Amino acid sequence: MNLDILQRFKLDDKHHDYSAPETILYALGLGYGSDPTDETQLAFVYEKGLKAVPAMCNTIAHPGFWIDRPELGIDWVKVLHAEQAFEIHSTIPAEGRMRGDYSILSIEDKGADKGAIMKMQKRLYDRDSELLCATVTQTLFLRGDGGQGGFGDIGPGLAAIPDGDPDDVLDISTLPQIALIYRLSGDLNPIHASPSVARKAGFDRPILHGLCTMGLAARAIISRLCDGDPARLKAMEVRFSKPVFPGETIRVEFFLEGGAVRFRCRSVERDLVVLDRGSATVGGVA
């Protein structure tokens, strides 16, 4: 990779105007509406009194696939999405005119045979008021780019989940076509749709977006810990540990210690942790 260019690299701001149907589509991609008698689910998929899932900040003003630009010199075929975090500063509206401001925060060199870790930040602004709505941090694992140096403040890693049994669990069933729905919210990577592309990447079938699994965890947190009120979910951070296959049941396991909300996600069918080291900040938790 070209470290000098990456230190100076700046993506153009991304403008994104969205309306109620797009907000509803995002929620449908998380399985909201699966129980047509559940009024709390209806709030995310019905235009009257519509609310946005806070995790939608991950997909608003998505920059597209940029990491394969030749001048960056990144071995993009070997890039993995490692971690994701967001902090909500102002409620994400159900309809809006947003601007995404992007920057590369840091690159940590893990060694020539171990790759590198890149952290990026998106600041999401309301274009009409210039109010900062959310800060989103994405961590990428550059498996083919170790041993070439780094820059920036790496910051602390995500803490491990406490030992012991969870204090609470919530199972969410997913549809076999969930990835085909979720990809319409912006991530059109064919690995989530095409069986042949998935096989080339080493999977026997398309896999689910990691950000969709994070959205499922957000759905569980809103349901279990926020009394269905999305405004109470202030922040989340997660590590993507294993791929999820559409149609699997995702078990969200909660570990509550004082005011701390820790969680992880498990594939029930394979008994594998697929999302780990999760933390959330929930308003109203003492």
C-alpha atoms as a PDB file:
ATOM      1  CA  MET A   1       0.000   0.000   0.000  1.00  0.00           C
ATOM      2  CA  ASN A   2       1.074   3.609  -0.523  1.00  0.00           C
ATOM      3  CA  LEU A   3       1.268   4.933   3.020  1.00  0.00           C
ATOM      4  CA  ASP A   4       2.095   8.502   1.970  1.00  0.00           C
ATOM      5  CA  ILE A   5      -1.020   8.773  -0.208  1.00  0.00           C
ATOM      6  CA  LEU A   6      -3.192   7.127   2.448  1.00  0.00           C
ATOM      7  CA  GLN A   7      -2.092   9.697   5.062  1.00  0.00           C
ATOM      8  CA  ARG A   8      -3.264  12.505   2.761  1.00  0.00           C
ATOM      9  CA  PHE A   9      -6.211  10.680   1.198  1.00  0.00           C
ATOM     10  CA  LYS A  10      -9.647  12.297   1.484  1.00  0.00           C
ATOM     11  CA  LEU A  11     -12.834  10.900   0.037  1.00  0.00           C
ATOM     12  CA  ASP A  12     -15.260  13.398  -1.408  1.00  0.00           C
ATOM     13  CA  ASP A  13     -18.201  14.202   0.848  1.00  0.00           C
ATOM     14  CA  LYS A  14     -21.169  11.953   0.111  1.00  0.00           C
ATOM     15  CA  HIS A  15     -24.642  13.530  -0.068  1.00  0.00           C
ATOM     16  CA  HIS A  16     -27.628  11.297   0.620  1.00  0.00           C
ATOM     17  CA  ASP A  17     -31.279  12.341   0.486  1.00  0.00           C
ATOM     18  CA  TYR A  18     -33.651   9.661   1.742  1.00  0.00           C
ATOM     19  CA  SER A  19     -37.356   9.350   2.462  1.00  0.00           C
ATOM     20  CA  ALA A  20     -39.692   7.036   4.374  1.00  0.00           C
ATOM     21  CA  PRO A  21     -39.560   4.107   1.889  1.00  0.00           C
ATOM     22  CA  GLU A  22     -35.758   3.870   2.245  1.00  0.00           C
ATOM     23  CA  THR A  23     -35.991   3.933   6.042  1.00  0.00           C
ATOM     24  CA  ILE A  24     -38.657   1.227   5.912  1.00  0.00           C
ATOM     25  CA  LEU A  25     -36.552  -0.861   3.516  1.00  0.00           C
ATOM     26  CA  TYR A  26     -33.608  -0.738   5.938  1.00  0.00           C
ATOM     27  CA  ALA A  27     -35.825  -1.962   8.782  1.00  0.00           C
ATOM     28  CA  LEU A  28     -37.287  -4.734   6.604  1.00  0.00           C
ATOM     29  CA  GLY A  29     -33.690  -5.813   5.956  1.00  0.00           C
ATOM     30  CA  LEU A  30     -33.382  -6.371   9.712  1.00  0.00           C
ATOM     31  CA  GLY A  31     -36.552  -8.472   9.793  1.00  0.00           C
ATOM     32  CA  TYR A  32     -38.818  -5.838  11.332  1.00  0.00           C
ATOM     33  CA  GLY A  33     -42.467  -6.563  10.560  1.00  0.00           C
ATOM     34  CA  SER A  34     -42.057 -10.318  11.021  1.00  0.00           C
ATOM     35  CA  ASP A  35     -44.881 -10.161  13.583  1.00  0.00           C
ATOM     36  CA  PRO A  36     -47.709  -8.146  11.990  1.00  0.00           C
ATOM     37  CA  THR A  37     -49.463  -7.786  15.366  1.00  0.00           C
ATOM     38  CA  ASP A  38     -46.435  -6.237  17.117  1.00  0.00           C
ATOM     39  CA  GLU A  39     -46.986  -2.465  17.336  1.00  0.00           C
ATOM     40  CA  THR A  40     -43.371  -1.868  18.409  1.00  0.00           C
ATOM     41  CA  GLN A  41     -42.106  -3.448  15.168  1.00  0.00           C
ATOM     42  CA  LEU A  42     -44.696  -1.552  13.122  1.00  0.00           C
ATOM     43  CA  ALA A  43     -43.163   1.739  14.238  1.00  0.00           C
ATOM     44  CA  PHE A  44     -40.141   0.992  12.014  1.00  0.00           C
ATOM     45  CA  VAL A  45     -41.973  -0.246   8.899  1.00  0.00           C
ATOM     46  CA  TYR A  46     -45.120   1.915   8.674  1.00  0.00           C
ATOM     47  CA  GLU A  47     -45.064   5.492   7.457  1.00  0.00           C
ATOM     48  CA  LYS A  48     -47.373   6.876  10.176  1.00  0.00           C
ATOM     49  CA  GLY A  49     -45.182   7.778  13.142  1.00  0.00           C
ATOM     50  CA  LEU A  50     -42.183   6.162  11.418  1.00  0.00           C
ATOM     51  CA  LYS A  51     -38.936   5.864  13.394  1.00  0.00           C
ATOM     52  CA  ALA A  52     -35.449   5.117  12.056  1.00  0.00           C
ATOM     53  CA  VAL A  53     -33.282   2.376  13.549  1.00  0.00           C
ATOM     54  CA  PRO A  54     -30.176   4.211  14.877  1.00  0.00           C
ATOM     55  CA  ALA A  55     -27.881   1.659  13.188  1.00  0.00           C
ATOM     56  CA  MET A  56     -29.081   3.048   9.862  1.00  0.00           C
ATOM     57  CA  CYS A  57     -26.318   5.634  10.321  1.00  0.00           C
ATOM     58  CA  ASN A  58     -23.994   2.866   9.080  1.00  0.00           C
ATOM     59  CA  THR A  59     -25.584   2.883   5.616  1.00  0.00           C
ATOM     60  CA  ILE A  60     -26.571   6.552   5.179  1.00  0.00           C
ATOM     61  CA  ALA A  61     -24.143   8.379   2.861  1.00  0.00           C
ATOM     62  CA  HIS A  62     -22.288   5.146   2.104  1.00  0.00           C
ATOM     63  CA  PRO A  63     -19.185   6.026   0.026  1.00  0.00           C
ATOM     64  CA  GLY A  64     -19.353   2.990  -2.223  1.00  0.00           C
ATOM     65  CA  PHE A  65     -16.457   0.641  -2.932  1.00  0.00           C
ATOM     66  CA  TRP A  66     -13.392   2.890  -3.005  1.00  0.00           C
ATOM     67  CA  ILE A  67     -10.613   0.775  -1.475  1.00  0.00           C
ATOM     68  CA  ASP A  68      -9.623  -0.745  -4.841  1.00  0.00           C
ATOM     69  CA  ARG A  69      -8.313   2.583  -6.207  1.00  0.00           C
ATOM     70  CA  PRO A  70      -4.941   1.846  -7.850  1.00  0.00           C
ATOM     71  CA  GLU A  71      -3.147   4.834  -6.303  1.00  0.00           C
ATOM     72  CA  LEU A  72      -3.766   3.496  -2.788  1.00  0.00           C
ATOM     73  CA  GLY A  73      -1.914   0.242  -3.494  1.00  0.00           C
ATOM     74  CA  ILE A  74      -4.084  -1.793  -1.105  1.00  0.00           C
ATOM     75  CA  ASP A  75      -4.431  -5.522  -1.697  1.00  0.00           C
ATOM     76  CA  TRP A  76      -8.192  -5.035  -1.603  1.00  0.00           C
ATOM     77  CA  VAL A  77      -9.098  -8.674  -2.358  1.00  0.00           C
ATOM     78  CA  LYS A  78      -7.749  -9.586   1.101  1.00  0.00           C
ATOM     79  CA  VAL A  79      -9.565  -6.816   3.000  1.00  0.00           C
ATOM     80  CA  LEU A  80     -11.969  -7.898   5.766  1.00  0.00           C
ATOM     81  CA  HIS A  81     -14.440  -5.809   7.761  1.00  0.00           C
ATOM     82  CA  ALA A  82     -13.190  -6.277  11.326  1.00  0.00           C
ATOM     83  CA  GLU A  83     -15.070  -3.868  13.616  1.00  0.00           C
ATOM     84  CA  GLN A  84     -17.724  -1.167  13.516  1.00  0.00           C
ATOM     85  CA  ALA A  85     -18.864   1.490  15.972  1.00  0.00           C
ATOM     86  CA  PHE A  86     -21.284   4.379  16.000  1.00  0.00           C
ATOM     87  CA  GLU A  87     -22.251   7.191  18.356  1.00  0.00           C
ATOM     88  CA  ILE A  88     -25.547   9.034  17.938  1.00  0.00           C
ATOM     89  CA  HIS A  89     -25.336  12.770  18.661  1.00  0.00           C
ATOM     90  CA  SER A  90     -28.800  13.705  17.393  1.00  0.00           C
ATOM     91  CA  THR A  91     -31.727  11.417  16.540  1.00  0.00           C
ATOM     92  CA  ILE A  92     -31.482   9.943  13.038  1.00  0.00           C
ATOM     93  CA  PRO A  93     -34.619  11.250  11.276  1.00  0.00           C
ATOM     94  CA  ALA A  94     -36.974   8.974   9.335  1.00  0.00           C
ATOM     95  CA  GLU A  95     -36.482  11.292   6.339  1.00  0.00           C
ATOM     96  CA  GLY A  96     -33.485  13.482   5.788  1.00  0.00           C
ATOM     97  CA  ARG A  97     -30.816  15.229   3.718  1.00  0.00           C
ATOM     98  CA  MET A  98     -27.454  14.041   4.983  1.00  0.00           C
ATOM     99  CA  ARG A  99     -23.774  14.651   4.279  1.00  0.00           C
ATOM    100  CA  GLY A 100     -21.058  12.131   5.062  1.00  0.00           C
ATOM    101  CA  ASP A 101     -17.568  13.499   5.788  1.00  0.00           C
ATOM    102  CA  TYR A 102     -14.888  10.759   5.588  1.00  0.00           C
ATOM    103  CA  SER A 103     -11.335  10.491   6.880  1.00  0.00           C
ATOM    104  CA  ILE A 104      -8.729   7.792   7.550  1.00  0.00           C
ATOM    105  CA  LEU A 105      -7.812   7.952  11.229  1.00  0.00           C
ATOM    106  CA  SER A 106      -4.972   5.453  11.502  1.00  0.00           C
ATOM    107  CA  ILE A 107      -3.161   2.435  10.133  1.00  0.00           C
ATOM    108  CA  GLU A 108      -1.567  -0.022  12.550  1.00  0.00           C
ATOM    109  CA  ASP A 109       1.182  -2.251  11.140  1.00  0.00           C
ATOM    110  CA  LYS A 110       0.860  -5.748  12.631  1.00  0.00           C
ATOM    111  CA  GLY A 111       3.878  -7.139  10.749  1.00  0.00           C
ATOM    112  CA  ALA A 112       4.712  -8.401   7.279  1.00  0.00           C
ATOM    113  CA  ASP A 113       3.039 -11.762   7.830  1.00  0.00           C
ATOM    114  CA  LYS A 114       0.122 -10.432   9.908  1.00  0.00           C
ATOM    115  CA  GLY A 115      -1.325  -7.554   7.894  1.00  0.00           C
ATOM    116  CA  ALA A 116      -2.443  -4.098   9.003  1.00  0.00           C
ATOM    117  CA  ILE A 117      -5.458  -2.486  10.670  1.00  0.00           C
ATOM    118  CA  MET A 118      -7.065   0.621   9.153  1.00  0.00           C
ATOM    119  CA  LYS A 119      -9.559   2.817  10.995  1.00  0.00           C
ATOM    120  CA  MET A 120     -11.891   5.161   9.118  1.00  0.00           C
ATOM    121  CA  GLN A 121     -14.384   7.692  10.396  1.00  0.00           C
ATOM    122  CA  LYS A 122     -17.605   9.035   8.911  1.00  0.00           C
ATOM    123  CA  ARG A 123     -19.220  12.127  10.399  1.00  0.00           C
ATOM    124  CA  LEU A 124     -22.859  12.337   9.405  1.00  0.00           C
ATOM    125  CA  TYR A 125     -24.371  15.840   9.192  1.00  0.00           C
ATOM    126  CA  ASP A 126     -27.895  17.099   8.538  1.00  0.00           C
ATOM    127  CA  ARG A 127     -27.379  19.221   5.418  1.00  0.00           C
ATOM    128  CA  ASP A 128     -30.141  21.680   6.304  1.00  0.00           C
ATOM    129  CA  SER A 129     -29.025  22.474   9.856  1.00  0.00           C
ATOM    130  CA  GLU A 130     -25.366  21.264   9.684  1.00  0.00           C
ATOM    131  CA  LEU A 131     -26.101  19.452  12.940  1.00  0.00           C
ATOM    132  CA  LEU A 132     -23.779  16.494  13.598  1.00  0.00           C
ATOM    133  CA  CYS A 133     -26.074  13.465  13.812  1.00  0.00           C
ATOM    134  CA  ALA A 134     -23.637  10.553  14.165  1.00  0.00           C
ATOM    135  CA  THR A 135     -20.003   9.528  14.189  1.00  0.00           C
ATOM    136  CA  VAL A 136     -19.314   6.143  12.614  1.00  0.00           C
ATOM    137  CA  THR A 137     -15.978   4.322  12.898  1.00  0.00           C
ATOM    138  CA  GLN A 138     -15.084   1.398  10.657  1.00  0.00           C
ATOM    139  CA  THR A 139     -12.087  -0.885  11.202  1.00  0.00           C
ATOM    140  CA  LEU A 140     -10.713  -2.864   8.259  1.00  0.00           C
ATOM    141  CA  PHE A 141      -8.233  -5.739   8.400  1.00  0.00           C
ATOM    142  CA  LEU A 142      -5.781  -5.376   5.489  1.00  0.00           C
ATOM    143  CA  ARG A 143      -4.501  -8.940   5.431  1.00  0.00           C
ATOM    144  CA  GLY A 144      -2.088  -8.357   2.545  1.00  0.00           C
ATOM    145  CA  ASP A 145      -0.552  -5.051   3.611  1.00  0.00           C
ATOM    146  CA  GLY A 146       1.522  -5.678   6.743  1.00  0.00           C
ATOM    147  CA  GLY A 147       5.146  -4.658   7.241  1.00  0.00           C
ATOM    148  CA  GLN A 148       4.755  -1.277   5.531  1.00  0.00           C
ATOM    149  CA  GLY A 149       4.434   1.087   8.481  1.00  0.00           C
ATOM    150  CA  GLY A 150       1.535   2.995   9.943  1.00  0.00           C
ATOM    151  CA  PHE A 151       0.326   6.325  11.319  1.00  0.00           C
ATOM    152  CA  GLY A 152      -2.239   7.890  13.637  1.00  0.00           C
ATOM    153  CA  ASP A 153      -3.638   7.068  17.052  1.00  0.00           C
ATOM    154  CA  ILE A 154      -4.547   3.384  17.154  1.00  0.00           C
ATOM    155  CA  GLY A 155      -6.698   3.688  20.278  1.00  0.00           C
ATOM    156  CA  PRO A 156      -7.711   0.925  22.708  1.00  0.00           C
ATOM    157  CA  GLY A 157      -9.025  -2.411  21.483  1.00  0.00           C
ATOM    158  CA  LEU A 158     -12.461  -3.794  22.269  1.00  0.00           C
ATOM    159  CA  ALA A 159     -12.681  -5.523  25.634  1.00  0.00           C
ATOM    160  CA  ALA A 160     -13.529  -9.220  25.869  1.00  0.00           C
ATOM    161  CA  ILE A 161     -16.992 -10.296  26.994  1.00  0.00           C
ATOM    162  CA  PRO A 162     -17.114 -11.271  30.717  1.00  0.00           C
ATOM    163  CA  ASP A 163     -16.933 -14.959  31.598  1.00  0.00           C
ATOM    164  CA  GLY A 164     -20.117 -16.760  32.592  1.00  0.00           C
ATOM    165  CA  ASP A 165     -23.634 -17.208  31.309  1.00  0.00           C
ATOM    166  CA  PRO A 166     -25.530 -14.286  29.773  1.00  0.00           C
ATOM    167  CA  ASP A 167     -28.077 -12.393  31.874  1.00  0.00           C
ATOM    168  CA  ASP A 168     -30.603 -12.419  29.042  1.00  0.00           C
ATOM    169  CA  VAL A 169     -30.942 -13.673  25.457  1.00  0.00           C
ATOM    170  CA  LEU A 170     -33.126 -12.852  22.479  1.00  0.00           C
ATOM    171  CA  ASP A 171     -33.393 -15.044  19.384  1.00  0.00           C
ATOM    172  CA  ILE A 172     -34.085 -13.438  15.991  1.00  0.00           C
ATOM    173  CA  SER A 173     -34.889 -15.666  13.023  1.00  0.00           C
ATOM    174  CA  THR A 174     -33.667 -14.465   9.640  1.00  0.00           C
ATOM    175  CA  LEU A 175     -35.162 -15.089   6.223  1.00  0.00           C
ATOM    176  CA  PRO A 176     -33.217 -16.984   3.540  1.00  0.00           C
ATOM    177  CA  GLN A 177     -33.491 -13.829   1.395  1.00  0.00           C
ATOM    178  CA  ILE A 178     -32.439 -11.359   4.122  1.00  0.00           C
ATOM    179  CA  ALA A 179     -29.137 -10.476   2.406  1.00  0.00           C
ATOM    180  CA  LEU A 180     -30.973  -9.738  -0.852  1.00  0.00           C
ATOM    181  CA  ILE A 181     -33.185  -7.281   1.018  1.00  0.00           C
ATOM    182  CA  TYR A 182     -30.457  -5.711   3.137  1.00  0.00           C
ATOM    183  CA  ARG A 183     -28.122  -5.100   0.168  1.00  0.00           C
ATOM    184  CA  LEU A 184     -30.682  -2.652  -1.254  1.00  0.00           C
ATOM    185  CA  SER A 185     -29.670  -0.302   1.567  1.00  0.00           C
ATOM    186  CA  GLY A 186     -26.331   0.328  -0.122  1.00  0.00           C
ATOM    187  CA  ASP A 187     -23.859  -2.571   0.087  1.00  0.00           C
ATOM    188  CA  LEU A 188     -24.080  -4.299  -3.295  1.00  0.00           C
ATOM    189  CA  ASN A 189     -21.045  -6.560  -2.840  1.00  0.00           C
ATOM    190  CA  PRO A 190     -21.936  -9.682  -4.885  1.00  0.00           C
ATOM    191  CA  ILE A 191     -20.596 -11.974  -2.148  1.00  0.00           C
ATOM    192  CA  HIS A 192     -23.970 -11.380  -0.461  1.00  0.00           C
ATOM    193  CA  ALA A 193     -26.030 -12.333  -3.523  1.00  0.00           C
ATOM    194  CA  SER A 194     -24.128 -14.459  -6.054  1.00  0.00           C
ATOM    195  CA  PRO A 195     -23.399 -18.122  -5.188  1.00  0.00           C
ATOM    196  CA  SER A 196     -20.521 -18.240  -7.682  1.00  0.00           C
ATOM    197  CA  VAL A 197     -18.843 -15.148  -6.225  1.00  0.00           C
ATOM    198  CA  ALA A 198     -19.344 -16.506  -2.707  1.00  0.00           C
ATOM    199  CA  ARG A 199     -17.671 -19.789  -3.710  1.00  0.00           C
ATOM    200  CA  LYS A 200     -14.668 -17.894  -5.092  1.00  0.00           C
ATOM    201  CA  ALA A 201     -14.341 -16.240  -1.682  1.00  0.00           C
ATOM    202  CA  GLY A 202     -14.377 -19.634   0.030  1.00  0.00           C
ATOM    203  CA  PHE A 203     -18.040 -19.898   1.068  1.00  0.00           C
ATOM    204  CA  ASP A 204     -20.493 -22.498  -0.163  1.00  0.00           C
ATOM    205  CA  ARG A 205     -23.254 -19.866  -0.446  1.00  0.00           C
ATOM    206  CA  PRO A 206     -23.719 -16.092  -0.076  1.00  0.00           C
ATOM    207  CA  ILE A 207     -23.073 -14.682   3.384  1.00  0.00           C
ATOM    208  CA  LEU A 208     -24.916 -11.981   5.302  1.00  0.00           C
ATOM    209  CA  HIS A 209     -23.529  -8.464   5.640  1.00  0.00           C
ATOM    210  CA  GLY A 210     -21.732  -7.924   8.928  1.00  0.00           C
ATOM    211  CA  LEU A 211     -23.564  -4.614   9.282  1.00  0.00           C
ATOM    212  CA  CYS A 212     -26.854  -6.481   9.003  1.00  0.00           C
ATOM    213  CA  THR A 213     -25.840  -8.671  11.951  1.00  0.00           C
ATOM    214  CA  MET A 214     -24.949  -5.486  13.840  1.00  0.00           C
ATOM    215  CA  GLY A 215     -28.383  -4.126  12.920  1.00  0.00           C
ATOM    216  CA  LEU A 216     -30.002  -7.287  14.289  1.00  0.00           C
ATOM    217  CA  ALA A 217     -28.140  -6.704  17.561  1.00  0.00           C
ATOM    218  CA  ALA A 218     -29.391  -3.098  17.589  1.00  0.00           C
ATOM    219  CA  ARG A 219     -32.919  -4.413  17.068  1.00  0.00           C
ATOM    220  CA  ALA A 220     -32.495  -6.742  20.059  1.00  0.00           C
ATOM    221  CA  ILE A 221     -31.103  -3.954  22.262  1.00  0.00           C
ATOM    222  CA  ILE A 222     -33.977  -1.623  21.370  1.00  0.00           C
ATOM    223  CA  SER A 223     -36.477  -4.379  22.140  1.00  0.00           C
ATOM    224  CA  ARG A 224     -34.942  -5.719  25.363  1.00  0.00           C
ATOM    225  CA  LEU A 225     -33.285  -2.687  26.940  1.00  0.00           C
ATOM    226  CA  CYS A 226     -34.930   0.401  25.433  1.00  0.00           C
ATOM    227  CA  ASP A 227     -38.638  -0.477  25.733  1.00  0.00           C
ATOM    228  CA  GLY A 228     -38.891  -0.208  21.953  1.00  0.00           C
ATOM    229  CA  ASP A 229     -37.641   3.416  21.917  1.00  0.00           C
ATOM    230  CA  PRO A 230     -34.754   3.776  19.422  1.00  0.00           C
ATOM    231  CA  ALA A 231     -33.808   7.207  20.801  1.00  0.00           C
ATOM    232  CA  ARG A 232     -32.435   5.473  23.902  1.00  0.00           C
ATOM    233  CA  LEU A 233     -29.740   3.632  21.904  1.00  0.00           C
ATOM    234  CA  LYS A 234     -26.860   6.118  21.971  1.00  0.00           C
ATOM    235  CA  ALA A 235     -23.849   4.089  20.826  1.00  0.00           C
ATOM    236  CA  MET A 236     -22.656   0.617  19.775  1.00  0.00           C
ATOM    237  CA  GLU A 237     -19.369  -1.084  18.949  1.00  0.00           C
ATOM    238  CA  VAL A 238     -18.801  -4.643  17.719  1.00  0.00           C
ATOM    239  CA  ARG A 239     -16.243  -7.046  16.305  1.00  0.00           C
ATOM    240  CA  PHE A 240     -17.193  -9.311  13.390  1.00  0.00           C
ATOM    241  CA  SER A 241     -15.829 -12.750  14.279  1.00  0.00           C
ATOM    242  CA  LYS A 242     -17.507 -15.259  11.919  1.00  0.00           C
ATOM    243  CA  PRO A 243     -19.687 -15.060   8.789  1.00  0.00           C
ATOM    244  CA  VAL A 244     -23.458 -15.446   9.077  1.00  0.00           C
ATOM    245  CA  PHE A 245     -25.536 -17.332   6.523  1.00  0.00           C
ATOM    246  CA  PRO A 246     -28.995 -16.034   5.598  1.00  0.00           C
ATOM    247  CA  GLY A 247     -31.746 -18.083   7.202  1.00  0.00           C
ATOM    248  CA  GLU A 248     -29.871 -18.690  10.439  1.00  0.00           C
ATOM    249  CA  THR A 249     -31.228 -17.812  13.872  1.00  0.00           C
ATOM    250  CA  ILE A 250     -29.198 -15.123  15.609  1.00  0.00           C
ATOM    251  CA  ARG A 251     -29.119 -15.336  19.410  1.00  0.00           C
ATOM    252  CA  VAL A 252     -28.186 -12.018  21.032  1.00  0.00           C
ATOM    253  CA  GLU A 253     -26.642 -12.680  24.455  1.00  0.00           C
ATOM    254  CA  PHE A 254     -26.638  -9.827  26.987  1.00  0.00           C
ATOM    255  CA  PHE A 255     -24.197  -9.356  29.865  1.00  0.00           C
ATOM    256  CA  LEU A 256     -25.262  -6.561  32.218  1.00  0.00           C
ATOM    257  CA  GLU A 257     -22.934  -5.214  34.895  1.00  0.00           C
ATOM    258  CA  GLY A 258     -24.135  -2.052  36.598  1.00  0.00           C
ATOM    259  CA  GLY A 259     -24.617   0.487  33.825  1.00  0.00           C
ATOM    260  CA  ALA A 260     -22.579  -1.458  31.262  1.00  0.00           C
ATOM    261  CA  VAL A 261     -24.330  -3.231  28.383  1.00  0.00           C
ATOM    262  CA  ARG A 262     -22.169  -5.935  26.810  1.00  0.00           C
ATOM    263  CA  PHE A 263     -23.398  -8.401  24.192  1.00  0.00           C
ATOM    264  CA  ARG A 264     -22.454 -10.886  21.515  1.00  0.00           C
ATOM    265  CA  CYS A 265     -24.318 -12.706  18.749  1.00  0.00           C
ATOM    266  CA  ARG A 266     -24.359 -16.440  18.170  1.00  0.00           C
ATOM    267  CA  SER A 267     -25.533 -18.577  15.253  1.00  0.00           C
ATOM    268  CA  VAL A 268     -27.930 -20.978  16.966  1.00  0.00           C
ATOM    269  CA  GLU A 269     -27.703 -23.579  14.215  1.00  0.00           C
ATOM    270  CA  ARG A 270     -23.896 -23.746  14.239  1.00  0.00           C
ATOM    271  CA  ASP A 271     -23.366 -22.711  17.900  1.00  0.00           C
ATOM    272  CA  LEU A 272     -20.727 -20.192  16.818  1.00  0.00           C
ATOM    273  CA  VAL A 273     -20.139 -16.647  18.022  1.00  0.00           C
ATOM    274  CA  VAL A 274     -20.485 -14.523  14.885  1.00  0.00           C
ATOM    275  CA  LEU A 275     -20.326 -11.053  16.454  1.00  0.00           C
ATOM    276  CA  ASP A 276     -18.224 -10.501  19.562  1.00  0.00           C
ATOM    277  CA  ARG A 277     -17.011  -7.928  22.105  1.00  0.00           C
ATOM    278  CA  GLY A 278     -20.135  -5.833  21.692  1.00  0.00           C
ATOM    279  CA  SER A 279     -20.837  -2.790  23.857  1.00  0.00           C
ATOM    280  CA  ALA A 280     -23.791  -0.430  23.846  1.00  0.00           C
ATOM    281  CA  THR A 281     -24.697   2.822  25.550  1.00  0.00           C
ATOM    282  CA  VAL A 282     -28.366   2.949  26.431  1.00  0.00           C
ATOM    283  CA  GLY A 283     -30.057   6.037  27.846  1.00  0.00           C
ATOM    284  CA  GLY A 284     -31.894   5.404  31.071  1.00  0.00           C
ATOM    285  CA  VAL A 285     -29.619   2.553  32.237  1.00  0.00           C
ATOM    286  CA  ALA A 286     -28.212   3.527  35.637  1.00  0.00           C
END
